[in-house]
Amino acid sequence: MVLHVDNRHTPQESPDWQHWKQRYGPEGLNLSRGLHFSDETHALQAAVAGHGAVIASELLVGDLINRGMLVAPYAGSLPGANYYLVALEEMAFRAEVVALREWIQSRVQL
């Protein structure tokens, strides 16, 4: 069963099952069925509980994959949104914001 995440707000095509089917198939994939979620983390919880497969952000699913709770059965991926670390200008150079930025940069491929 496919798990849908509705109303994603991304600046490009939504990483959803319709785009997956167009890019990778299979042609017979029935997209009219499945559970719908308004929040990606809820869809991931359903996947962990064994209710189906979900297209999810690598940032959200990476730890679940590393811990063996989920697997990525396909090597392919879909384009998604960019994320930015933002702060008020007067807060941007505070020690804790700098430490967070450095930690994020050490964890993600830039």
PDB file of N, CA and C in Angstrom:
ATOM      1  N   MET A   1       0.848  -1.171   0.000  1.00  0.00           N
ATOM      2  CA  MET A   1       0.000   0.000   0.000  1.00  0.00           C
ATOM      3  C   MET A   1       0.900   1.242   0.000  1.00  0.00           C
ATOM      4  N   VAL A   2       0.511   2.241  -0.763  1.00  0.00           N
ATOM      5  CA  VAL A   2       1.260   3.493  -0.775  1.00  0.00           C
ATOM      6  C   VAL A   2       0.698   4.433   0.282  1.00  0.00           C
ATOM      7  N   LEU A   3       1.595   5.147   0.920  1.00  0.00           N
ATOM      8  CA  LEU A   3       1.235   6.146   1.923  1.00  0.00           C
ATOM      9  C   LEU A   3       1.477   7.511   1.300  1.00  0.00           C
ATOM     10  N   HIS A   4       0.446   8.326   1.246  1.00  0.00           N
ATOM     11  CA  HIS A   4       0.516   9.635   0.600  1.00  0.00           C
ATOM     12  C   HIS A   4       0.718  10.730   1.638  1.00  0.00           C
ATOM     13  N   VAL A   5       1.530  11.725   1.299  1.00  0.00           N
ATOM     14  CA  VAL A   5       1.659  12.939   2.110  1.00  0.00           C
ATOM     15  C   VAL A   5       1.058  14.061   1.280  1.00  0.00           C
ATOM     16  N   ASP A   6      -0.058  14.582   1.746  1.00  0.00           N
ATOM     17  CA  ASP A   6      -0.788  15.611   1.001  1.00  0.00           C
ATOM     18  C   ASP A   6      -0.278  17.005   1.355  1.00  0.00           C
ATOM     19  N   ASN A   7      -0.416  17.896   0.414  1.00  0.00           N
ATOM     20  CA  ASN A   7      -0.154  19.322   0.631  1.00  0.00           C
ATOM     21  C   ASN A   7       1.272  19.641   1.048  1.00  0.00           C
ATOM     22  N   ARG A   8       2.237  19.001   0.416  1.00  0.00           N
ATOM     23  CA  ARG A   8       3.632  19.383   0.669  1.00  0.00           C
ATOM     24  C   ARG A   8       3.842  20.757   0.039  1.00  0.00           C
ATOM     25  N   HIS A   9       4.555  21.603   0.717  1.00  0.00           N
ATOM     26  CA  HIS A   9       4.827  22.943   0.198  1.00  0.00           C
ATOM     27  C   HIS A   9       6.295  23.015  -0.187  1.00  0.00           C
ATOM     28  N   THR A  10       6.560  22.709  -1.457  1.00  0.00           N
ATOM     29  CA  THR A  10       7.926  22.738  -1.959  1.00  0.00           C
ATOM     30  C   THR A  10       7.989  23.702  -3.143  1.00  0.00           C
ATOM     31  N   PRO A  11       9.168  24.284  -3.374  1.00  0.00           N
ATOM     32  CA  PRO A  11       9.293  25.259  -4.468  1.00  0.00           C
ATOM     33  C   PRO A  11       9.354  24.615  -5.854  1.00  0.00           C
ATOM     34  N   GLN A  12       9.333  23.311  -5.925  1.00  0.00           N
ATOM     35  CA  GLN A  12       9.340  22.631  -7.211  1.00  0.00           C
ATOM     36  C   GLN A  12       8.304  21.523  -7.171  1.00  0.00           C
ATOM     37  N   GLU A  13       8.302  20.658  -8.180  1.00  0.00           N
ATOM     38  CA  GLU A  13       7.325  19.573  -8.203  1.00  0.00           C
ATOM     39  C   GLU A  13       7.362  18.802  -6.896  1.00  0.00           C
ATOM     40  N   SER A  14       6.195  18.503  -6.369  1.00  0.00           N
ATOM     41  CA  SER A  14       6.105  17.781  -5.106  1.00  0.00           C
ATOM     42  C   SER A  14       6.691  16.379  -5.249  1.00  0.00           C
ATOM     43  N   PRO A  15       7.503  15.951  -4.304  1.00  0.00           N
ATOM     44  CA  PRO A  15       8.027  14.578  -4.347  1.00  0.00           C
ATOM     45  C   PRO A  15       6.918  13.611  -3.917  1.00  0.00           C
ATOM     46  N   ASP A  16       6.077  13.222  -4.871  1.00  0.00           N
ATOM     47  CA  ASP A  16       4.931  12.384  -4.543  1.00  0.00           C
ATOM     48  C   ASP A  16       4.907  11.149  -5.438  1.00  0.00           C
ATOM     49  N   TRP A  17       3.920  10.295  -5.219  1.00  0.00           N
ATOM     50  CA  TRP A  17       3.833   9.045  -5.963  1.00  0.00           C
ATOM     51  C   TRP A  17       3.603   9.255  -7.454  1.00  0.00           C
ATOM     52  N   GLN A  18       2.864  10.287  -7.824  1.00  0.00           N
ATOM     53  CA  GLN A  18       2.630  10.546  -9.248  1.00  0.00           C
ATOM     54  C   GLN A  18       3.955  10.820  -9.964  1.00  0.00           C
ATOM     55  N   HIS A  19       4.811  11.623  -9.347  1.00  0.00           N
ATOM     56  CA  HIS A  19       6.116  11.908  -9.961  1.00  0.00           C
ATOM     57  C   HIS A  19       7.026  10.683  -9.915  1.00  0.00           C
ATOM     58  N   TRP A  20       6.897   9.869  -8.858  1.00  0.00           N
ATOM     59  CA  TRP A  20       7.669   8.623  -8.790  1.00  0.00           C
ATOM     60  C   TRP A  20       7.274   7.712  -9.959  1.00  0.00           C
ATOM     61  N   LYS A  21       5.967   7.570 -10.157  1.00  0.00           N
ATOM     62  CA  LYS A  21       5.463   6.692 -11.218  1.00  0.00           C
ATOM     63  C   LYS A  21       5.927   7.175 -12.592  1.00  0.00           C
ATOM     64  N   GLN A  22       5.899   8.487 -12.816  1.00  0.00           N
ATOM     65  CA  GLN A  22       6.351   9.037 -14.096  1.00  0.00           C
ATOM     66  C   GLN A  22       7.833   8.766 -14.328  1.00  0.00           C
ATOM     67  N   ARG A  23       8.619   8.856 -13.277  1.00  0.00           N
ATOM     68  CA  ARG A  23      10.073   8.714 -13.411  1.00  0.00           C
ATOM     69  C   ARG A  23      10.519   7.256 -13.392  1.00  0.00           C
ATOM     70  N   TYR A  24       9.957   6.448 -12.489  1.00  0.00           N
ATOM     71  CA  TYR A  24      10.471   5.095 -12.268  1.00  0.00           C
ATOM     72  C   TYR A  24       9.467   3.981 -12.542  1.00  0.00           C
ATOM     73  N   GLY A  25       8.157   4.292 -12.552  1.00  0.00           N
ATOM     74  CA  GLY A  25       7.156   3.250 -12.703  1.00  0.00           C
ATOM     75  C   GLY A  25       6.864   2.617 -11.349  1.00  0.00           C
ATOM     76  N   PRO A  26       6.229   1.494 -11.292  1.00  0.00           N
ATOM     77  CA  PRO A  26       5.725   0.731 -12.425  1.00  0.00           C
ATOM     78  C   PRO A  26       4.438   1.325 -12.970  1.00  0.00           C
ATOM     79  N   GLU A  27       4.178   1.040 -14.222  1.00  0.00           N
ATOM     80  CA  GLU A  27       3.003   1.605 -14.887  1.00  0.00           C
ATOM     81  C   GLU A  27       1.705   1.235 -14.174  1.00  0.00           C
ATOM     82  N   GLY A  28       1.639   0.032 -13.637  1.00  0.00           N
ATOM     83  CA  GLY A  28       0.411  -0.450 -13.001  1.00  0.00           C
ATOM     84  C   GLY A  28       0.229  -0.007 -11.558  1.00  0.00           C
ATOM     85  N   LEU A  29       1.080   0.858 -11.048  1.00  0.00           N
ATOM     86  CA  LEU A  29       0.963   1.311  -9.656  1.00  0.00           C
ATOM     87  C   LEU A  29      -0.346   2.068  -9.466  1.00  0.00           C
ATOM     88  N   ASN A  30      -1.200   1.566  -8.579  1.00  0.00           N
ATOM     89  CA  ASN A  30      -2.505   2.172  -8.324  1.00  0.00           C
ATOM     90  C   ASN A  30      -2.353   3.291  -7.298  1.00  0.00           C
ATOM     91  N   LEU A  31      -2.464   4.525  -7.755  1.00  0.00           N
ATOM     92  CA  LEU A  31      -2.288   5.682  -6.874  1.00  0.00           C
ATOM     93  C   LEU A  31      -3.593   6.178  -6.271  1.00  0.00           C
ATOM     94  N   SER A  32      -4.704   5.566  -6.648  1.00  0.00           N
ATOM     95  CA  SER A  32      -5.985   6.009  -6.101  1.00  0.00           C
ATOM     96  C   SER A  32      -6.252   5.408  -4.728  1.00  0.00           C
ATOM     97  N   ARG A  33      -5.451   4.464  -4.328  1.00  0.00           N
ATOM     98  CA  ARG A  33      -5.622   3.809  -3.033  1.00  0.00           C
ATOM     99  C   ARG A  33      -4.510   4.229  -2.092  1.00  0.00           C
ATOM    100  N   GLY A  34      -4.634   3.846  -0.858  1.00  0.00           N
ATOM    101  CA  GLY A  34      -3.605   4.112   0.129  1.00  0.00           C
ATOM    102  C   GLY A  34      -4.093   5.084   1.189  1.00  0.00           C
ATOM    103  N   LEU A  35      -3.294   5.233   2.212  1.00  0.00           N
ATOM    104  CA  LEU A  35      -3.602   6.140   3.311  1.00  0.00           C
ATOM    105  C   LEU A  35      -3.041   7.521   3.011  1.00  0.00           C
ATOM    106  N   HIS A  36      -3.747   8.556   3.451  1.00  0.00           N
ATOM    107  CA  HIS A  36      -3.313   9.940   3.234  1.00  0.00           C
ATOM    108  C   HIS A  36      -2.990  10.591   4.572  1.00  0.00           C
ATOM    109  N   PHE A  37      -1.898  11.345   4.595  1.00  0.00           N
ATOM    110  CA  PHE A  37      -1.440  12.040   5.790  1.00  0.00           C
ATOM    111  C   PHE A  37      -1.184  13.502   5.455  1.00  0.00           C
ATOM    112  N   SER A  38      -1.414  14.358   6.414  1.00  0.00           N
ATOM    113  CA  SER A  38      -1.115  15.778   6.221  1.00  0.00           C
ATOM    114  C   SER A  38       0.279  16.117   6.724  1.00  0.00           C
ATOM    115  N   ASP A  39       0.952  15.163   7.362  1.00  0.00           N
ATOM    116  CA  ASP A  39       2.268  15.396   7.941  1.00  0.00           C
ATOM    117  C   ASP A  39       3.187  14.226   7.583  1.00  0.00           C
ATOM    118  N   GLU A  40       4.359  14.541   7.090  1.00  0.00           N
ATOM    119  CA  GLU A  40       5.302  13.509   6.655  1.00  0.00           C
ATOM    120  C   GLU A  40       5.745  12.609   7.795  1.00  0.00           C
ATOM    121  N   THR A  41       5.895  13.147   8.993  1.00  0.00           N
ATOM    122  CA  THR A  41       6.328  12.311  10.117  1.00  0.00           C
ATOM    123  C   THR A  41       5.266  11.278  10.481  1.00  0.00           C
ATOM    124  N   HIS A  42       3.998  11.620  10.314  1.00  0.00           N
ATOM    125  CA  HIS A  42       2.938  10.644  10.577  1.00  0.00           C
ATOM    126  C   HIS A  42       2.968   9.520   9.541  1.00  0.00           C
ATOM    127  N   ALA A  43       3.234   9.870   8.290  1.00  0.00           N
ATOM    128  CA  ALA A  43       3.355   8.851   7.247  1.00  0.00           C
ATOM    129  C   ALA A  43       4.546   7.938   7.528  1.00  0.00           C
ATOM    130  N   LEU A  44       5.641   8.508   8.023  1.00  0.00           N
ATOM    131  CA  LEU A  44       6.804   7.693   8.377  1.00  0.00           C
ATOM    132  C   LEU A  44       6.480   6.749   9.525  1.00  0.00           C
ATOM    133  N   GLN A  45       5.725   7.211  10.504  1.00  0.00           N
ATOM    134  CA  GLN A  45       5.316   6.334  11.614  1.00  0.00           C
ATOM    135  C   GLN A  45       4.476   5.175  11.091  1.00  0.00           C
ATOM    136  N   ALA A  46       3.607   5.449  10.135  1.00  0.00           N
ATOM    137  CA  ALA A  46       2.798   4.383   9.542  1.00  0.00           C
ATOM    138  C   ALA A  46       3.688   3.385   8.794  1.00  0.00           C
ATOM    139  N   ALA A  47       4.701   3.869   8.098  1.00  0.00           N
ATOM    140  CA  ALA A  47       5.627   2.975   7.400  1.00  0.00           C
ATOM    141  C   ALA A  47       6.386   2.107   8.397  1.00  0.00           C
ATOM    142  N   VAL A  48       6.856   2.692   9.489  1.00  0.00           N
ATOM    143  CA  VAL A  48       7.562   1.930  10.526  1.00  0.00           C
ATOM    144  C   VAL A  48       6.641   0.858  11.111  1.00  0.00           C
ATOM    145  N   ALA A  49       5.351   1.167  11.224  1.00  0.00           N
ATOM    146  CA  ALA A  49       4.381   0.212  11.760  1.00  0.00           C
ATOM    147  C   ALA A  49       3.985  -0.850  10.729  1.00  0.00           C
ATOM    148  N   GLY A  50       4.523  -0.748   9.509  1.00  0.00           N
ATOM    149  CA  GLY A  50       4.278  -1.765   8.505  1.00  0.00           C
ATOM    150  C   GLY A  50       3.037  -1.554   7.653  1.00  0.00           C
ATOM    151  N   HIS A  51       2.527  -0.335   7.588  1.00  0.00           N
ATOM    152  CA  HIS A  51       1.297  -0.068   6.848  1.00  0.00           C
ATOM    153  C   HIS A  51       1.503   0.286   5.385  1.00  0.00           C
ATOM    154  N   GLY A  52       2.750   0.405   4.939  1.00  0.00           N
ATOM    155  CA  GLY A  52       2.973   0.709   3.539  1.00  0.00           C
ATOM    156  C   GLY A  52       4.297   1.401   3.288  1.00  0.00           C
ATOM    157  N   ALA A  53       4.435   1.910   2.073  1.00  0.00           N
ATOM    158  CA  ALA A  53       5.656   2.594   1.635  1.00  0.00           C
ATOM    159  C   ALA A  53       5.354   4.067   1.461  1.00  0.00           C
ATOM    160  N   VAL A  54       6.341   4.901   1.775  1.00  0.00           N
ATOM    161  CA  VAL A  54       6.162   6.354   1.700  1.00  0.00           C
ATOM    162  C   VAL A  54       7.356   6.972   0.990  1.00  0.00           C
ATOM    163  N   ILE A  55       7.110   8.048   0.278  1.00  0.00           N
ATOM    164  CA  ILE A  55       8.181   8.864  -0.279  1.00  0.00           C
ATOM    165  C   ILE A  55       8.455   9.934   0.769  1.00  0.00           C
ATOM    166  N   ALA A  56       9.687   9.952   1.281  1.00  0.00           N
ATOM    167  CA  ALA A  56       9.993  10.828   2.410  1.00  0.00           C
ATOM    168  C   ALA A  56      11.321  11.543   2.207  1.00  0.00           C
ATOM    169  N   SER A  57      11.452  12.647   2.906  1.00  0.00           N
ATOM    170  CA  SER A  57      12.681  13.419   2.899  1.00  0.00           C
ATOM    171  C   SER A  57      13.815  12.591   3.491  1.00  0.00           C
ATOM    172  N   GLU A  58      14.951  12.626   2.819  1.00  0.00           N
ATOM    173  CA  GLU A  58      16.128  11.917   3.328  1.00  0.00           C
ATOM    174  C   GLU A  58      16.521  12.419   4.720  1.00  0.00           C
ATOM    175  N   LEU A  59      16.302  13.697   4.955  1.00  0.00           N
ATOM    176  CA  LEU A  59      16.617  14.247   6.271  1.00  0.00           C
ATOM    177  C   LEU A  59      15.769  13.620   7.371  1.00  0.00           C
ATOM    178  N   LEU A  60      14.518  13.352   7.078  1.00  0.00           N
ATOM    179  CA  LEU A  60      13.632  12.758   8.080  1.00  0.00           C
ATOM    180  C   LEU A  60      13.790  11.251   8.196  1.00  0.00           C
ATOM    181  N   VAL A  61      14.112  10.586   7.117  1.00  0.00           N
ATOM    182  CA  VAL A  61      14.133   9.130   7.130  1.00  0.00           C
ATOM    183  C   VAL A  61      15.531   8.550   7.360  1.00  0.00           C
ATOM    184  N   GLY A  62      16.565   9.369   7.235  1.00  0.00           N
ATOM    185  CA  GLY A  62      17.941   8.865   7.336  1.00  0.00           C
ATOM    186  C   GLY A  62      18.222   8.086   8.598  1.00  0.00           C
ATOM    187  N   ASP A  63      17.813   8.593   9.747  1.00  0.00           N
ATOM    188  CA  ASP A  63      18.065   7.906  11.013  1.00  0.00           C
ATOM    189  C   ASP A  63      17.291   6.590  11.092  1.00  0.00           C
ATOM    190  N   LEU A  64      16.060   6.584  10.590  1.00  0.00           N
ATOM    191  CA  LEU A  64      15.262   5.352  10.601  1.00  0.00           C
ATOM    192  C   LEU A  64      15.916   4.274   9.732  1.00  0.00           C
ATOM    193  N   ILE A  65      16.518   4.671   8.638  1.00  0.00           N
ATOM    194  CA  ILE A  65      17.242   3.723   7.786  1.00  0.00           C
ATOM    195  C   ILE A  65      18.507   3.251   8.491  1.00  0.00           C
ATOM    196  N   ASN A  66      19.260   4.175   9.068  1.00  0.00           N
ATOM    197  CA  ASN A  66      20.499   3.811   9.756  1.00  0.00           C
ATOM    198  C   ASN A  66      20.255   2.863  10.918  1.00  0.00           C
ATOM    199  N   ARG A  67      19.116   2.990  11.577  1.00  0.00           N
ATOM    200  CA  ARG A  67      18.780   2.127  12.712  1.00  0.00           C
ATOM    201  C   ARG A  67      18.104   0.833  12.283  1.00  0.00           C
ATOM    202  N   GLY A  68      17.918   0.641  10.976  1.00  0.00           N
ATOM    203  CA  GLY A  68      17.336  -0.590  10.472  1.00  0.00           C
ATOM    204  C   GLY A  68      15.827  -0.681  10.620  1.00  0.00           C
ATOM    205  N   MET A  69      15.175   0.440  10.914  1.00  0.00           N
ATOM    206  CA  MET A  69      13.729   0.426  11.087  1.00  0.00           C
ATOM    207  C   MET A  69      13.002   0.508   9.746  1.00  0.00           C
ATOM    208  N   LEU A  70      13.636   1.103   8.747  1.00  0.00           N
ATOM    209  CA  LEU A  70      13.118   1.179   7.388  1.00  0.00           C
ATOM    210  C   LEU A  70      14.258   0.901   6.423  1.00  0.00           C
ATOM    211  N   VAL A  71      13.914   0.545   5.208  1.00  0.00           N
ATOM    212  CA  VAL A  71      14.912   0.367   4.151  1.00  0.00           C
ATOM    213  C   VAL A  71      14.466   1.175   2.943  1.00  0.00           C
ATOM    214  N   ALA A  72      15.434   1.557   2.128  1.00  0.00           N
ATOM    215  CA  ALA A  72      15.148   2.229   0.854  1.00  0.00           C
ATOM    216  C   ALA A  72      15.283   1.165  -0.233  1.00  0.00           C
ATOM    217  N   PRO A  73      14.154   0.596  -0.707  1.00  0.00           N
ATOM    218  CA  PRO A  73      14.243  -0.512  -1.656  1.00  0.00           C
ATOM    219  C   PRO A  73      14.648  -0.110  -3.064  1.00  0.00           C
ATOM    220  N   TYR A  74      14.701   1.179  -3.374  1.00  0.00           N
ATOM    221  CA  TYR A  74      15.112   1.679  -4.681  1.00  0.00           C
ATOM    222  C   TYR A  74      16.235   2.677  -4.491  1.00  0.00           C
ATOM    223  N   ALA A  75      17.178   2.676  -5.413  1.00  0.00           N
ATOM    224  CA  ALA A  75      18.279   3.634  -5.339  1.00  0.00           C
ATOM    225  C   ALA A  75      17.856   5.019  -5.818  1.00  0.00           C
ATOM    226  N   GLY A  76      16.785   5.088  -6.601  1.00  0.00           N
ATOM    227  CA  GLY A  76      16.350   6.357  -7.174  1.00  0.00           C
ATOM    228  C   GLY A  76      15.747   7.291  -6.141  1.00  0.00           C
ATOM    229  N   SER A  77      15.776   8.560  -6.459  1.00  0.00           N
ATOM    230  CA  SER A  77      15.164   9.560  -5.583  1.00  0.00           C
ATOM    231  C   SER A  77      14.490  10.622  -6.448  1.00  0.00           C
ATOM    232  N   LEU A  78      13.705  11.452  -5.801  1.00  0.00           N
ATOM    233  CA  LEU A  78      13.028  12.555  -6.484  1.00  0.00           C
ATOM    234  C   LEU A  78      13.590  13.866  -5.980  1.00  0.00           C
ATOM    235  N   PRO A  79      13.594  14.903  -6.816  1.00  0.00           N
ATOM    236  CA  PRO A  79      14.029  16.206  -6.323  1.00  0.00           C
ATOM    237  C   PRO A  79      13.080  16.683  -5.233  1.00  0.00           C
ATOM    238  N   GLY A  80      13.607  17.388  -4.278  1.00  0.00           N
ATOM    239  CA  GLY A  80      12.787  17.900  -3.183  1.00  0.00           C
ATOM    240  C   GLY A  80      13.105  19.346  -2.903  1.00  0.00           C
ATOM    241  N   ALA A  81      12.774  19.767  -1.737  1.00  0.00           N
ATOM    242  CA  ALA A  81      12.962  21.165  -1.346  1.00  0.00           C
ATOM    243  C   ALA A  81      14.354  21.383  -0.762  1.00  0.00           C
ATOM    244  N   ASN A  82      14.776  22.623  -0.777  1.00  0.00           N
ATOM    245  CA  ASN A  82      15.995  23.019  -0.085  1.00  0.00           C
ATOM    246  C   ASN A  82      15.608  23.532   1.288  1.00  0.00           C
ATOM    247  N   TYR A  83      16.482  23.324   2.246  1.00  0.00           N
ATOM    248  CA  TYR A  83      16.241  23.792   3.599  1.00  0.00           C
ATOM    249  C   TYR A  83      17.328  24.787   3.968  1.00  0.00           C
ATOM    250  N   TYR A  84      16.958  25.778   4.751  1.00  0.00           N
ATOM    251  CA  TYR A  84      17.890  26.826   5.137  1.00  0.00           C
ATOM    252  C   TYR A  84      17.866  27.004   6.649  1.00  0.00           C
ATOM    253  N   LEU A  85      19.030  27.210   7.229  1.00  0.00           N
ATOM    254  CA  LEU A  85      19.127  27.603   8.625  1.00  0.00           C
ATOM    255  C   LEU A  85      18.996  29.117   8.645  1.00  0.00           C
ATOM    256  N   VAL A  86      18.022  29.631   9.351  1.00  0.00           N
ATOM    257  CA  VAL A  86      17.788  31.071   9.383  1.00  0.00           C
ATOM    258  C   VAL A  86      17.703  31.555  10.820  1.00  0.00           C
ATOM    259  N   ALA A  87      18.084  32.807  11.022  1.00  0.00           N
ATOM    260  CA  ALA A  87      18.020  33.446  12.330  1.00  0.00           C
ATOM    261  C   ALA A  87      17.957  34.950  12.123  1.00  0.00           C
ATOM    262  N   LEU A  88      17.539  35.649  13.135  1.00  0.00           N
ATOM    263  CA  LEU A  88      17.592  37.102  13.083  1.00  0.00           C
ATOM    264  C   LEU A  88      19.042  37.531  12.915  1.00  0.00           C
ATOM    265  N   GLU A  89      19.267  38.624  12.212  1.00  0.00           N
ATOM    266  CA  GLU A  89      20.627  39.073  11.943  1.00  0.00           C
ATOM    267  C   GLU A  89      21.441  39.222  13.231  1.00  0.00           C
ATOM    268  N   GLU A  90      20.820  39.791  14.261  1.00  0.00           N
ATOM    269  CA  GLU A  90      21.553  39.997  15.509  1.00  0.00           C
ATOM    270  C   GLU A  90      21.826  38.694  16.271  1.00  0.00           C
ATOM    271  N   MET A  91      21.181  37.583  15.859  1.00  0.00           N
ATOM    272  CA  MET A  91      21.387  36.293  16.522  1.00  0.00           C
ATOM    273  C   MET A  91      22.327  35.376  15.732  1.00  0.00           C
ATOM    274  N   ALA A  92      22.576  35.704  14.486  1.00  0.00           N
ATOM    275  CA  ALA A  92      23.259  34.797  13.576  1.00  0.00           C
ATOM    276  C   ALA A  92      24.669  34.410  14.015  1.00  0.00           C
ATOM    277  N   PHE A  93      25.334  35.247  14.777  1.00  0.00           N
ATOM    278  CA  PHE A  93      26.713  34.949  15.150  1.00  0.00           C
ATOM    279  C   PHE A  93      26.868  34.606  16.625  1.00  0.00           C
ATOM    280  N   ARG A  94      25.745  34.334  17.285  1.00  0.00           N
ATOM    281  CA  ARG A  94      25.817  33.860  18.671  1.00  0.00           C
ATOM    282  C   ARG A  94      26.451  32.484  18.683  1.00  0.00           C
ATOM    283  N   ALA A  95      27.140  32.168  19.761  1.00  0.00           N
ATOM    284  CA  ALA A  95      27.897  30.915  19.842  1.00  0.00           C
ATOM    285  C   ALA A  95      27.037  29.686  19.558  1.00  0.00           C
ATOM    286  N   GLU A  96      25.814  29.648  20.097  1.00  0.00           N
ATOM    287  CA  GLU A  96      24.986  28.459  19.893  1.00  0.00           C
ATOM    288  C   GLU A  96      24.501  28.328  18.454  1.00  0.00           C
ATOM    289  N   VAL A  97      24.272  29.447  17.768  1.00  0.00           N
ATOM    290  CA  VAL A  97      23.852  29.395  16.368  1.00  0.00           C
ATOM    291  C   VAL A  97      25.036  28.970  15.504  1.00  0.00           C
ATOM    292  N   VAL A  98      26.217  29.490  15.788  1.00  0.00           N
ATOM    293  CA  VAL A  98      27.426  29.091  15.055  1.00  0.00           C
ATOM    294  C   VAL A  98      27.691  27.603  15.275  1.00  0.00           C
ATOM    295  N   ALA A  99      27.547  27.129  16.518  1.00  0.00           N
ATOM    296  CA  ALA A  99      27.766  25.712  16.810  1.00  0.00           C
ATOM    297  C   ALA A  99      26.769  24.836  16.057  1.00  0.00           C
ATOM    298  N   LEU A 100      25.511  25.257  16.006  1.00  0.00           N
ATOM    299  CA  LEU A 100      24.498  24.502  15.278  1.00  0.00           C
ATOM    300  C   LEU A 100      24.825  24.473  13.796  1.00  0.00           C
ATOM    301  N   ARG A 101      25.198  25.626  13.222  1.00  0.00           N
ATOM    302  CA  ARG A 101      25.546  25.687  11.801  1.00  0.00           C
ATOM    303  C   ARG A 101      26.711  24.741  11.502  1.00  0.00           C
ATOM    304  N   GLU A 102      27.731  24.758  12.339  1.00  0.00           N
ATOM    305  CA  GLU A 102      28.896  23.902  12.119  1.00  0.00           C
ATOM    306  C   GLU A 102      28.529  22.432  12.234  1.00  0.00           C
ATOM    307  N   TRP A 103      27.637  22.099  13.184  1.00  0.00           N
ATOM    308  CA  TRP A 103      27.201  20.716  13.334  1.00  0.00           C
ATOM    309  C   TRP A 103      26.426  20.272  12.102  1.00  0.00           C
ATOM    310  N   ILE A 104      25.512  21.122  11.619  1.00  0.00           N
ATOM    311  CA  ILE A 104      24.722  20.780  10.430  1.00  0.00           C
ATOM    312  C   ILE A 104      25.669  20.551   9.243  1.00  0.00           C
ATOM    313  N   GLN A 105      26.628  21.449   9.062  1.00  0.00           N
ATOM    314  CA  GLN A 105      27.556  21.323   7.951  1.00  0.00           C
ATOM    315  C   GLN A 105      28.377  20.051   8.057  1.00  0.00           C
ATOM    316  N   SER A 106      28.677  19.592   9.272  1.00  0.00           N
ATOM    317  CA  SER A 106      29.432  18.360   9.435  1.00  0.00           C
ATOM    318  C   SER A 106      28.592  17.124   9.139  1.00  0.00           C
ATOM    319  N   ARG A 107      27.262  17.255   9.201  1.00  0.00           N
ATOM    320  CA  ARG A 107      26.361  16.111   9.031  1.00  0.00           C
ATOM    321  C   ARG A 107      25.802  15.955   7.618  1.00  0.00           C
ATOM    322  N   VAL A 108      25.777  17.035   6.851  1.00  0.00           N
ATOM    323  CA  VAL A 108      25.190  16.967   5.518  1.00  0.00           C
ATOM    324  C   VAL A 108      26.253  17.174   4.457  1.00  0.00           C
ATOM    325  N   GLN A 109      25.988  16.637   3.303  1.00  0.00           N
ATOM    326  CA  GLN A 109      26.899  16.798   2.183  1.00  0.00           C
ATOM    327  C   GLN A 109      26.588  18.130   1.510  1.00  0.00           C
ATOM    328  N   LEU A 110      27.555  19.017   1.459  1.00  0.00           N
ATOM    329  CA  LEU A 110      27.335  20.342   0.854  1.00  0.00           C
ATOM    330  C   LEU A 110      27.862  20.392  -0.551  1.00  0.00           C
TER     331      LEU A 110
END
